[in-house]
Amino acid sequence: MPRMPNPTRRTFLRSGAALCALGSLGGLPAFGAAGFNHKNRLAIPPLDLGEIKDGTREFGLQLQHGISEFFAGYETPTKGINGAYLGPVLRMRHGETVRLNVTNNLDHDSTLHWHGFNLPASADGGPHQVIRPGDTWSPSFEIRERAATMWFHSHLMGQTAAQVWAGLAGMVIIDDDTADALDLPSEYGVDDIPLVLQDRRFSRDGSMAYKSSMHDRMAGMQGNYPVLNGTISPYLEVSHEKVRLRLLNGANASIYNLTFRDERTFQLVGTDGGLLTAPVELTQLRLAPGERAEIVVDFSDGAPALLESIGGRGMGGEQSPTFDLLEFRLKAQLAPSPQVPEKLADLPVPDADSAMRTRRFLLEMPGMGMGMMMGGGFTINGEEMDMARIDHVVKRGEAEIWEIENAGPMAHPFHVHNTQFRILDKAGRPPAPAEAGLKDTVLVEPGEVARILIRFDHYTDPDRPYMYHCHILEHEDAGMMGQFTVV
């Protein structure tokens, strides 16, 4: 059997010659030939609206083992939420109260973190809210976010990377009256498409076991196949002139540089925390692990298209893989779509002068010594994560500036729980239009300092902390994470 490609080199090249050299992974189909040859219809996750009980929207979520067939005839052991791999898309509304009944049917501990939400620390689902096998955890909180695309995923101390890799993640859609009134594509699964972007490393037998090497721990675990909504080599049949893609980078480590093969433009309408003030026209969008974006793509020209990720260098290889991601096949007749509104949402201009204090966060990676050998040495302000240590105490309602400095050789997506912040500047320059909205994750380049304006308005708890961390999951697990309380 041919040897599996070196995981530090991207194997999905546009060259037909390279494809022939690649062959297949012991019977698994080769992927990435020039042209549009995607064979599998994109899976659309089930939409879960929950049930209204005594004025509360309740969801029932089962963490479970499963078997997935990413490749025909090959059974892959996975984990999922109400299914074999990944979870349903939960849909909820601004202002309502939700209760999420999470039952752990796995044979090991887990958690479920509500990424991007403002919520009580006891409901956050981080490393302190462990769900033991057979137990049910039922956090309840008010949806304070406006219309947005959020997500949820395992956040178990030291095991986040392996559990998310196996499939413990899913998307959330939040609605509100303002967004309902906009003429944006909104029919779920038809012209409003959830798209969970991941990549996974498959072995010859079709398995995708999490077996990270020293390189993987340093650079983050990347795959040799892109997997979208759990689908290999997917296509989407387009029936409307405009399609809204809700993009979630659910990968462990890959930063996707998203563009269309024909370089068509698209309109960015939302980021992590919701809608922008106005659409931003782009031909390329960089999306790091943990980040979300909503884009509207115009197919009224009648031409098929291919969404791809183009490569970019990182430590010891390519931090951004080269992948053909999703083929768009157009029906002969497309239903008309209205123009994207010129105004989307009201967002105040961030005022740095409102900040009461500045905190600094230095992100560092280990060198070539014992720290690297042991998988540790990933620090923030010189310290690895310690669940018994509170690193910062923040006052509720007071604006602060957090300066995040990246001293390492890789870009780090820095995520903060329980807030949506605004980026003031990166390397002294104002944020690009694609980063000017509400954010909970900021990508900090090597040698760069990013300044964010942040505040925590709603909840206090002197004992239970929230997290801040690198969202390259291997870095988080290796210690690049800290804790803060809000008082």
Protein backbone atom coordinates (compact mmCIF):
# COMPACT_ATOMS: atom_id res chain seq x y z
CA MET A 1 0.00 0.00 0.00
CA PRO A 2 1.25 3.52 -0.67
CA ARG A 3 2.49 5.41 2.36
CA MET A 4 0.29 8.07 3.90
CA PRO A 5 1.34 11.61 2.90
CA ASN A 6 3.54 13.58 5.29
CA PRO A 7 1.05 15.52 7.44
CA THR A 8 3.29 18.58 7.49
CA ARG A 9 2.82 18.99 3.73
CA ARG A 10 -0.53 19.71 2.15
CA THR A 11 -1.47 16.83 -0.12
CA PHE A 12 -4.43 18.26 -1.97
CA LEU A 13 -2.76 19.99 -4.90
CA ARG A 14 -4.42 21.29 -7.99
CA SER A 15 -1.99 19.45 -10.22
CA GLY A 16 -3.29 16.29 -11.86
CA ALA A 17 0.26 14.93 -11.84
CA ALA A 18 0.47 15.40 -8.09
CA LEU A 19 -2.86 13.61 -7.73
CA CYS A 20 -1.61 10.64 -9.68
CA ALA A 21 1.51 10.51 -7.50
CA LEU A 22 -0.63 10.61 -4.37
CA GLY A 23 -2.86 7.72 -5.33
CA SER A 24 -5.06 6.66 -2.42
CA LEU A 25 -4.71 5.93 1.28
CA GLY A 26 -4.85 2.16 1.16
CA GLY A 27 -8.15 2.17 -0.72
CA LEU A 28 -9.52 5.55 0.41
CA PRO A 29 -10.22 7.76 -2.59
CA ALA A 30 -7.67 10.41 -3.51
CA PHE A 31 -8.97 13.95 -3.30
CA GLY A 32 -8.20 17.30 -4.84
CA ALA A 33 -7.87 16.78 -8.58
CA ALA A 34 -8.09 19.81 -10.81
CA GLY A 35 -11.64 20.75 -11.68
CA PHE A 36 -14.94 20.20 -9.89
CA ASN A 37 -15.30 16.55 -8.93
CA HIS A 38 -16.98 16.55 -5.53
CA LYS A 39 -19.15 13.47 -5.17
CA ASN A 40 -21.02 13.77 -1.88
CA ARG A 41 -23.99 15.98 -1.14
CA LEU A 42 -23.19 18.33 1.71
CA ALA A 43 -24.82 17.11 4.91
CA ILE A 44 -27.01 19.75 6.54
CA PRO A 45 -27.09 19.28 10.33
CA PRO A 46 -30.56 18.73 11.83
CA LEU A 47 -32.13 21.94 13.08
CA ASP A 48 -33.10 21.69 16.76
CA LEU A 49 -35.58 24.32 17.98
CA GLY A 50 -35.93 22.79 21.43
CA GLU A 51 -39.24 22.78 23.31
CA ILE A 52 -40.88 25.63 25.20
CA LYS A 53 -41.61 24.50 28.78
CA ASP A 54 -42.91 27.00 31.33
CA GLY A 55 -41.52 29.88 29.28
CA THR A 56 -38.06 28.35 28.87
CA ARG A 57 -36.67 26.88 25.65
CA GLU A 58 -35.24 23.48 26.57
CA PHE A 59 -32.82 21.35 24.58
CA GLY A 60 -31.90 17.72 25.18
CA LEU A 61 -28.31 16.91 24.19
CA GLN A 62 -26.76 13.44 24.37
CA LEU A 63 -22.97 13.06 24.24
CA GLN A 64 -22.43 9.69 22.62
CA HIS A 65 -20.12 7.33 20.80
CA GLY A 66 -20.86 6.68 17.15
CA ILE A 67 -19.74 5.18 13.87
CA SER A 68 -19.46 7.45 10.82
CA GLU A 69 -18.95 6.55 7.18
CA PHE A 70 -16.90 9.42 5.79
CA PHE A 71 -15.78 7.12 2.96
CA ALA A 72 -18.15 4.53 1.48
CA GLY A 73 -17.48 1.16 3.00
CA TYR A 74 -15.20 2.42 5.78
CA GLU A 75 -16.50 2.69 9.35
CA THR A 76 -14.85 5.37 11.46
CA PRO A 77 -15.31 5.47 15.27
CA THR A 78 -16.45 8.98 16.23
CA LYS A 79 -18.26 10.93 18.94
CA GLY A 80 -21.22 13.19 18.52
CA ILE A 81 -24.09 15.05 20.13
CA ASN A 82 -27.49 13.52 19.33
CA GLY A 83 -25.76 11.74 16.47
CA ALA A 84 -22.63 9.92 15.40
CA TYR A 85 -20.51 13.00 14.58
CA LEU A 86 -20.97 16.68 15.52
CA GLY A 87 -24.30 17.92 16.83
CA PRO A 88 -27.51 19.54 15.62
CA VAL A 89 -27.76 23.27 14.94
CA LEU A 90 -29.51 24.76 17.96
CA ARG A 91 -31.77 27.71 17.20
CA MET A 92 -32.76 30.20 19.89
CA ARG A 93 -33.78 33.84 20.22
CA HIS A 94 -32.45 36.99 21.82
CA GLY A 95 -34.13 37.68 25.16
CA GLU A 96 -35.43 34.21 25.88
CA THR A 97 -34.21 31.83 28.58
CA VAL A 98 -32.78 28.48 27.54
CA ARG A 99 -32.03 25.31 29.47
CA LEU A 100 -29.59 22.80 27.98
CA ASN A 101 -29.91 19.32 29.42
CA VAL A 102 -26.60 17.65 28.55
CA THR A 103 -26.36 13.92 29.29
CA ASN A 104 -22.98 12.22 29.11
CA ASN A 105 -23.41 8.77 27.53
CA LEU A 106 -19.68 8.46 26.92
CA ASP A 107 -17.36 6.24 28.94
CA HIS A 108 -15.27 9.23 30.08
CA ASP A 109 -15.66 12.75 31.46
CA SER A 110 -16.57 15.61 29.17
CA THR A 111 -17.89 19.18 29.18
CA LEU A 112 -19.87 21.36 26.78
CA HIS A 113 -18.85 25.01 26.46
CA TRP A 114 -21.16 27.66 24.95
CA HIS A 115 -18.64 29.58 22.87
CA GLY A 116 -19.36 33.28 22.40
CA PHE A 117 -22.16 33.65 24.94
CA ASN A 118 -22.51 36.05 27.86
CA LEU A 119 -23.60 33.75 30.67
CA PRO A 120 -23.03 32.89 34.35
CA ALA A 121 -19.69 31.26 35.10
CA SER A 122 -21.51 28.21 36.48
CA ALA A 123 -23.14 27.70 33.06
CA ASP A 124 -20.04 28.33 30.92
CA GLY A 125 -19.20 24.67 30.33
CA GLY A 126 -15.47 25.10 30.70
CA PRO A 127 -13.02 22.86 32.56
CA HIS A 128 -14.76 23.44 35.91
CA GLN A 129 -18.17 22.11 34.77
CA VAL A 130 -17.22 18.46 34.25
CA ILE A 131 -20.00 16.02 33.31
CA ARG A 132 -19.28 12.52 34.56
CA PRO A 133 -20.37 9.44 32.61
CA GLY A 134 -24.09 8.87 33.13
CA ASP A 135 -24.70 12.34 34.59
CA THR A 136 -26.84 15.17 33.20
CA TRP A 137 -25.83 18.82 33.49
CA SER A 138 -28.57 21.42 32.96
CA PRO A 139 -27.31 25.01 32.74
CA SER A 140 -29.90 27.74 32.18
CA PHE A 141 -29.31 31.34 31.11
CA GLU A 142 -30.78 34.27 29.22
CA ILE A 143 -29.78 34.80 25.58
CA ARG A 144 -28.24 38.27 25.70
CA GLU A 145 -26.63 38.15 22.26
CA ARG A 146 -28.21 39.72 19.22
CA ALA A 147 -28.59 37.73 16.00
CA ALA A 148 -25.39 35.75 15.50
CA THR A 149 -23.79 32.42 14.71
CA MET A 150 -22.30 30.80 17.82
CA TRP A 151 -21.15 27.29 18.66
CA PHE A 152 -20.57 24.74 21.40
CA HIS A 153 -17.80 22.22 21.97
CA SER A 154 -16.05 20.05 24.54
CA HIS A 155 -13.70 21.96 26.84
CA LEU A 156 -12.33 19.28 29.18
CA MET A 157 -9.01 20.16 30.79
CA GLY A 158 -6.19 18.57 28.80
CA GLN A 159 -8.61 16.68 26.52
CA THR A 160 -10.30 19.42 24.50
CA ALA A 161 -8.31 18.72 21.33
CA ALA A 162 -8.98 14.98 21.30
CA GLN A 163 -12.69 15.33 22.06
CA VAL A 164 -13.36 18.03 19.48
CA TRP A 165 -11.34 16.01 16.94
CA ALA A 166 -13.66 13.06 17.59
CA GLY A 167 -16.75 15.20 16.91
CA LEU A 168 -17.98 16.89 20.10
CA ALA A 169 -19.02 20.25 18.64
CA GLY A 170 -22.00 21.96 17.00
CA MET A 171 -23.41 25.29 15.83
CA VAL A 172 -25.94 27.71 17.33
CA ILE A 173 -28.06 30.26 15.45
CA ILE A 174 -29.45 33.20 17.42
CA ASP A 175 -32.30 35.24 15.94
CA ASP A 176 -33.69 38.68 16.81
CA ASP A 177 -36.32 41.09 15.47
CA THR A 178 -33.79 43.38 13.77
CA ALA A 179 -32.22 40.59 11.75
CA ASP A 180 -35.64 39.13 10.92
CA ALA A 181 -36.55 42.41 9.20
CA LEU A 182 -33.49 42.34 6.92
CA ASP A 183 -33.62 40.88 3.41
CA LEU A 184 -30.88 38.34 4.03
CA PRO A 185 -31.14 34.71 2.87
CA SER A 186 -32.85 32.95 5.75
CA GLU A 187 -34.34 29.58 4.72
CA TYR A 188 -32.34 27.05 6.69
CA GLY A 189 -30.61 24.46 4.55
CA VAL A 190 -31.81 26.09 1.32
CA ASP A 191 -30.25 29.55 1.00
CA ASP A 192 -29.03 29.84 4.62
CA ILE A 193 -26.37 27.15 5.03
CA PRO A 194 -24.47 26.17 8.19
CA LEU A 195 -20.91 25.21 7.32
CA VAL A 196 -18.65 23.66 9.96
CA LEU A 197 -15.13 23.69 8.51
CA GLN A 198 -12.74 21.03 9.80
CA ASP A 199 -9.94 18.79 8.60
CA ARG A 200 -9.18 15.29 9.84
CA ARG A 201 -6.31 12.85 9.41
CA PHE A 202 -7.50 9.48 8.13
CA SER A 203 -5.52 6.24 8.22
CA ARG A 204 -5.61 3.49 5.62
CA ASP A 205 -8.46 1.71 7.40
CA GLY A 206 -10.62 4.87 7.47
CA SER A 207 -10.02 5.61 11.16
CA MET A 208 -9.14 9.12 12.37
CA ALA A 209 -7.73 8.31 15.80
CA TYR A 210 -6.24 11.23 17.72
CA LYS A 211 -2.57 10.30 17.96
CA SER A 212 -0.63 13.54 18.06
CA SER A 213 3.11 13.62 17.56
CA MET A 214 5.56 16.14 19.00
CA HIS A 215 5.11 18.17 15.83
CA ASP A 216 1.33 18.06 16.20
CA ARG A 217 1.54 19.28 19.79
CA MET A 218 3.74 22.16 18.69
CA ALA A 219 2.00 23.18 15.47
CA GLY A 220 -1.48 21.89 16.24
CA MET A 221 -3.19 18.81 14.82
CA GLN A 222 -4.07 19.13 11.13
CA GLY A 223 -5.74 16.67 8.80
CA ASN A 224 -5.10 15.31 5.34
CA TYR A 225 -8.77 15.61 4.29
CA PRO A 226 -11.12 18.58 4.67
CA VAL A 227 -14.41 17.64 6.34
CA LEU A 228 -17.41 20.00 6.05
CA ASN A 229 -20.43 19.25 8.25
CA GLY A 230 -18.93 15.79 8.50
CA THR A 231 -18.87 15.40 4.69
CA ILE A 232 -15.84 14.47 2.57
CA SER A 233 -15.63 16.02 -0.92
CA PRO A 234 -19.00 17.82 -0.66
CA TYR A 235 -21.14 19.71 -3.12
CA LEU A 236 -24.12 21.98 -2.50
CA GLU A 237 -26.98 22.32 -4.97
CA VAL A 238 -27.83 26.03 -5.28
CA SER A 239 -31.45 26.97 -5.92
CA HIS A 240 -31.37 30.73 -5.16
CA GLU A 241 -29.42 33.60 -6.67
CA LYS A 242 -27.86 34.42 -3.31
CA VAL A 243 -26.74 32.03 -0.59
CA ARG A 244 -25.79 32.87 2.96
CA LEU A 245 -23.00 30.73 4.39
CA ARG A 246 -22.64 30.58 8.17
CA LEU A 247 -18.96 29.70 8.43
CA LEU A 248 -17.51 28.16 11.58
CA ASN A 249 -13.86 27.20 11.82
CA GLY A 250 -14.22 24.14 14.04
CA ALA A 251 -10.74 22.81 13.24
CA ASN A 252 -8.18 22.02 15.91
CA ALA A 253 -5.45 24.17 14.43
CA SER A 254 -5.93 25.08 10.75
CA ILE A 255 -6.41 28.69 9.71
CA TYR A 256 -8.46 28.75 6.51
CA ASN A 257 -7.78 31.38 3.86
CA LEU A 258 -11.15 31.20 2.13
CA THR A 259 -11.65 32.26 -1.45
CA PHE A 260 -13.44 31.11 -4.60
CA ARG A 261 -11.52 29.49 -7.43
CA ASP A 262 -12.95 32.03 -9.92
CA GLU A 263 -12.08 34.91 -7.53
CA ARG A 264 -15.69 36.01 -7.32
CA THR A 265 -16.52 38.58 -4.69
CA PHE A 266 -18.77 37.91 -1.71
CA GLN A 267 -20.22 40.08 1.02
CA LEU A 268 -19.27 39.63 4.65
CA VAL A 269 -22.32 40.48 6.79
CA GLY A 270 -21.41 39.10 10.22
CA THR A 271 -18.52 38.08 12.47
CA ASP A 272 -18.25 36.19 15.78
CA GLY A 273 -20.79 38.24 17.72
CA GLY A 274 -23.28 39.13 15.02
CA LEU A 275 -24.01 41.46 12.14
CA LEU A 276 -21.71 44.22 10.95
CA THR A 277 -22.94 47.77 10.50
CA ALA A 278 -22.77 47.30 6.72
CA PRO A 279 -21.69 44.56 4.30
CA VAL A 280 -18.01 44.33 3.40
CA GLU A 281 -17.10 43.13 -0.11
CA LEU A 282 -14.23 40.62 -0.16
CA THR A 283 -12.53 38.08 -2.36
CA GLN A 284 -10.71 36.37 0.50
CA LEU A 285 -11.46 35.77 4.17
CA ARG A 286 -9.09 34.44 6.83
CA LEU A 287 -10.83 32.37 9.49
CA ALA A 288 -8.95 31.00 12.50
CA PRO A 289 -10.07 28.21 14.86
CA GLY A 290 -13.02 29.38 16.95
CA GLU A 291 -13.96 32.24 14.62
CA ARG A 292 -17.25 32.53 12.73
CA ALA A 293 -18.32 34.61 9.75
CA GLU A 294 -21.49 35.03 7.75
CA ILE A 295 -21.08 35.71 4.05
CA VAL A 296 -23.55 36.15 1.18
CA VAL A 297 -22.48 34.77 -2.20
CA ASP A 298 -24.14 35.85 -5.45
CA PHE A 299 -24.64 33.06 -8.03
CA SER A 300 -26.88 35.02 -10.40
CA ASP A 301 -24.19 34.74 -13.10
CA GLY A 302 -25.21 31.07 -13.45
CA ALA A 303 -21.65 29.80 -13.15
CA PRO A 304 -20.69 26.93 -10.82
CA ALA A 305 -18.10 27.74 -8.19
CA LEU A 306 -15.60 26.15 -5.84
CA LEU A 307 -14.79 27.37 -2.34
CA GLU A 308 -11.20 26.66 -1.42
CA SER A 309 -8.59 27.36 1.22
CA ILE A 310 -5.22 28.57 0.02
CA GLY A 311 -2.01 27.77 1.87
CA GLY A 312 0.05 29.90 4.21
CA ARG A 313 3.22 29.18 6.12
CA GLY A 314 3.44 28.44 9.82
CA MET A 315 5.86 26.78 12.20
CA GLY A 316 7.34 23.65 10.65
CA GLY A 317 4.84 23.57 7.80
CA GLU A 318 1.70 25.29 6.59
CA GLN A 319 -0.53 26.72 9.29
CA SER A 320 -3.11 27.30 6.56
CA PRO A 321 -3.74 24.19 4.44
CA THR A 322 -4.46 24.11 0.72
CA PHE A 323 -7.84 22.45 0.31
CA ASP A 324 -10.68 22.27 -2.20
CA LEU A 325 -13.60 22.67 0.19
CA LEU A 326 -17.06 22.89 -1.38
CA GLU A 327 -18.41 22.74 -4.92
CA PHE A 328 -21.52 24.78 -5.74
CA ARG A 329 -23.77 23.26 -8.42
CA LEU A 330 -26.46 25.52 -9.79
CA LYS A 331 -29.96 24.54 -10.79
CA ALA A 332 -31.06 25.59 -14.27
CA GLN A 333 -33.44 28.18 -12.82
CA LEU A 334 -32.49 30.12 -9.70
CA ALA A 335 -35.09 31.72 -7.46
CA PRO A 336 -34.60 35.49 -7.27
CA SER A 337 -32.96 36.97 -4.17
CA PRO A 338 -33.14 40.58 -2.96
CA GLN A 339 -30.08 42.78 -2.71
CA VAL A 340 -28.15 42.66 0.53
CA PRO A 341 -29.19 45.66 2.65
CA GLU A 342 -26.73 48.55 2.82
CA LYS A 343 -27.29 48.87 6.57
CA LEU A 344 -27.30 45.83 8.84
CA ALA A 345 -26.91 46.69 12.53
CA ASP A 346 -26.05 49.53 14.90
CA LEU A 347 -22.64 49.10 16.50
CA PRO A 348 -21.11 51.88 18.61
CA VAL A 349 -17.63 53.09 17.75
CA PRO A 350 -15.24 51.55 20.32
CA ASP A 351 -13.95 54.22 22.71
CA ALA A 352 -10.49 53.39 24.07
CA ASP A 353 -10.73 56.34 26.46
CA SER A 354 -13.50 54.54 28.35
CA ALA A 355 -11.06 51.89 29.58
CA MET A 356 -10.31 51.93 33.31
CA ARG A 357 -7.13 49.83 33.07
CA THR A 358 -4.89 47.86 30.72
CA ARG A 359 -3.91 44.21 31.11
CA ARG A 360 -1.14 42.51 29.17
CA PHE A 361 -1.04 38.92 27.95
CA LEU A 362 2.21 37.51 26.53
CA LEU A 363 1.77 34.29 24.51
CA GLU A 364 4.88 32.11 24.40
CA MET A 365 5.73 28.67 23.03
CA PRO A 366 8.46 26.28 24.22
CA GLY A 367 11.85 26.05 22.58
CA MET A 368 13.57 22.86 21.56
CA GLY A 369 14.29 21.72 25.13
CA MET A 370 12.50 19.58 27.69
CA GLY A 371 9.30 21.66 27.58
CA MET A 372 8.83 20.72 23.94
CA MET A 373 9.62 17.05 24.64
CA MET A 374 7.04 16.91 27.44
CA GLY A 375 4.35 18.76 25.50
CA GLY A 376 4.31 21.69 27.94
CA GLY A 377 5.87 25.13 27.98
CA PHE A 378 2.92 26.89 26.33
CA THR A 379 2.40 29.90 28.56
CA ILE A 380 0.57 33.18 29.01
CA ASN A 381 2.57 35.72 30.99
CA GLY A 382 5.11 33.02 31.75
CA GLU A 383 2.68 30.60 33.39
CA GLU A 384 0.94 27.44 32.24
CA MET A 385 -2.73 26.92 33.02
CA ASP A 386 -3.49 25.96 36.63
CA MET A 387 -7.12 25.34 37.56
CA ALA A 388 -6.34 26.22 41.18
CA ARG A 389 -4.99 29.68 40.29
CA ILE A 390 -7.04 32.78 39.41
CA ASP A 391 -4.92 34.93 37.11
CA HIS A 392 -7.09 38.06 36.96
CA VAL A 393 -10.02 39.57 38.82
CA VAL A 394 -12.14 41.86 36.64
CA LYS A 395 -14.81 44.30 37.79
CA ARG A 396 -18.21 44.00 36.21
CA GLY A 397 -19.20 46.85 33.92
CA GLU A 398 -15.74 48.42 33.68
CA ALA A 399 -14.17 48.67 30.24
CA GLU A 400 -10.59 47.47 29.95
CA ILE A 401 -7.94 47.26 27.26
CA TRP A 402 -6.32 43.87 26.90
CA GLU A 403 -3.03 43.83 25.03
CA ILE A 404 -2.22 40.40 23.59
CA GLU A 405 1.37 39.99 22.44
CA ASN A 406 2.46 36.99 20.41
CA ALA A 407 6.12 36.21 21.08
CA GLY A 408 6.09 32.89 19.21
CA PRO A 409 6.62 31.78 15.61
CA MET A 410 2.94 30.91 14.94
CA ALA A 411 -0.28 32.89 14.73
CA HIS A 412 -2.46 32.35 17.81
CA PRO A 413 -6.26 32.83 17.88
CA PHE A 414 -6.90 34.32 21.34
CA HIS A 415 -10.39 33.60 22.71
CA VAL A 416 -12.07 35.13 25.78
CA HIS A 417 -15.12 33.56 27.42
CA ASN A 418 -18.26 35.48 28.47
CA THR A 419 -17.93 38.49 26.22
CA GLN A 420 -17.97 40.03 22.79
CA PHE A 421 -15.16 42.55 22.46
CA ARG A 422 -13.98 45.07 19.87
CA ILE A 423 -10.54 45.11 18.29
CA LEU A 424 -8.90 48.53 18.69
CA ASP A 425 -5.77 47.83 16.65
CA LYS A 426 -3.30 45.18 15.60
CA ALA A 427 0.38 46.09 15.28
CA GLY A 428 -0.71 49.71 15.77
CA ARG A 429 -3.08 49.66 12.82
CA PRO A 430 -6.89 49.84 12.99
CA PRO A 431 -8.63 46.50 12.41
CA ALA A 432 -9.47 45.50 8.88
CA PRO A 433 -13.17 45.89 8.02
CA ALA A 434 -13.61 42.12 8.43
CA GLU A 435 -12.47 42.43 12.07
CA ALA A 436 -14.31 45.61 12.98
CA GLY A 437 -17.43 43.94 14.39
CA LEU A 438 -18.18 42.03 17.58
CA LYS A 439 -15.54 39.41 18.29
CA ASP A 440 -14.73 36.78 20.89
CA THR A 441 -11.60 35.48 19.14
CA VAL A 442 -8.77 37.58 17.70
CA LEU A 443 -5.98 36.16 15.53
CA VAL A 444 -2.61 37.52 16.70
CA GLU A 445 0.23 37.15 14.22
CA PRO A 446 3.84 36.33 15.21
CA GLY A 447 5.49 39.38 16.77
CA GLU A 448 2.21 41.28 16.80
CA VAL A 449 0.38 43.07 19.61
CA ALA A 450 -3.41 43.17 19.36
CA ARG A 451 -5.38 45.55 21.58
CA ILE A 452 -9.00 44.79 22.36
CA LEU A 453 -11.61 46.81 24.25
CA ILE A 454 -13.43 44.44 26.57
CA ARG A 455 -16.00 44.49 29.36
CA PHE A 456 -18.16 42.06 31.29
CA ASP A 457 -21.55 43.56 32.02
CA HIS A 458 -23.90 40.94 33.38
CA TYR A 459 -22.64 38.34 35.84
CA THR A 460 -20.39 38.14 38.88
CA ASP A 461 -18.97 35.13 40.70
CA PRO A 462 -15.93 35.47 42.97
CA ASP A 463 -15.27 31.74 42.98
CA ARG A 464 -16.07 30.32 39.55
CA PRO A 465 -13.75 31.53 36.77
CA TYR A 466 -13.97 32.00 33.01
CA MET A 467 -11.17 31.14 30.60
CA TYR A 468 -9.01 32.97 28.08
CA HIS A 469 -6.80 30.88 25.83
CA CYS A 470 -5.31 30.14 22.46
CA HIS A 471 -7.92 28.37 20.34
CA ILE A 472 -5.37 26.11 18.70
CA LEU A 473 -6.65 23.26 20.84
CA GLU A 474 -3.30 21.54 21.29
CA HIS A 475 -1.84 24.80 22.63
CA GLU A 476 -4.78 25.24 25.00
CA ASP A 477 -4.36 21.69 26.30
CA ALA A 478 -0.60 22.23 26.72
CA GLY A 479 -1.05 25.24 29.00
CA MET A 480 -1.72 28.36 26.90
CA MET A 481 -4.80 29.23 28.95
CA GLY A 482 -5.63 31.33 32.00
CA GLN A 483 -8.55 32.12 34.29
CA PHE A 484 -10.35 35.24 35.48
CA THR A 485 -13.28 35.97 37.72
CA VAL A 486 -15.75 38.83 37.45
CA VAL A 487 -16.74 40.59 40.68
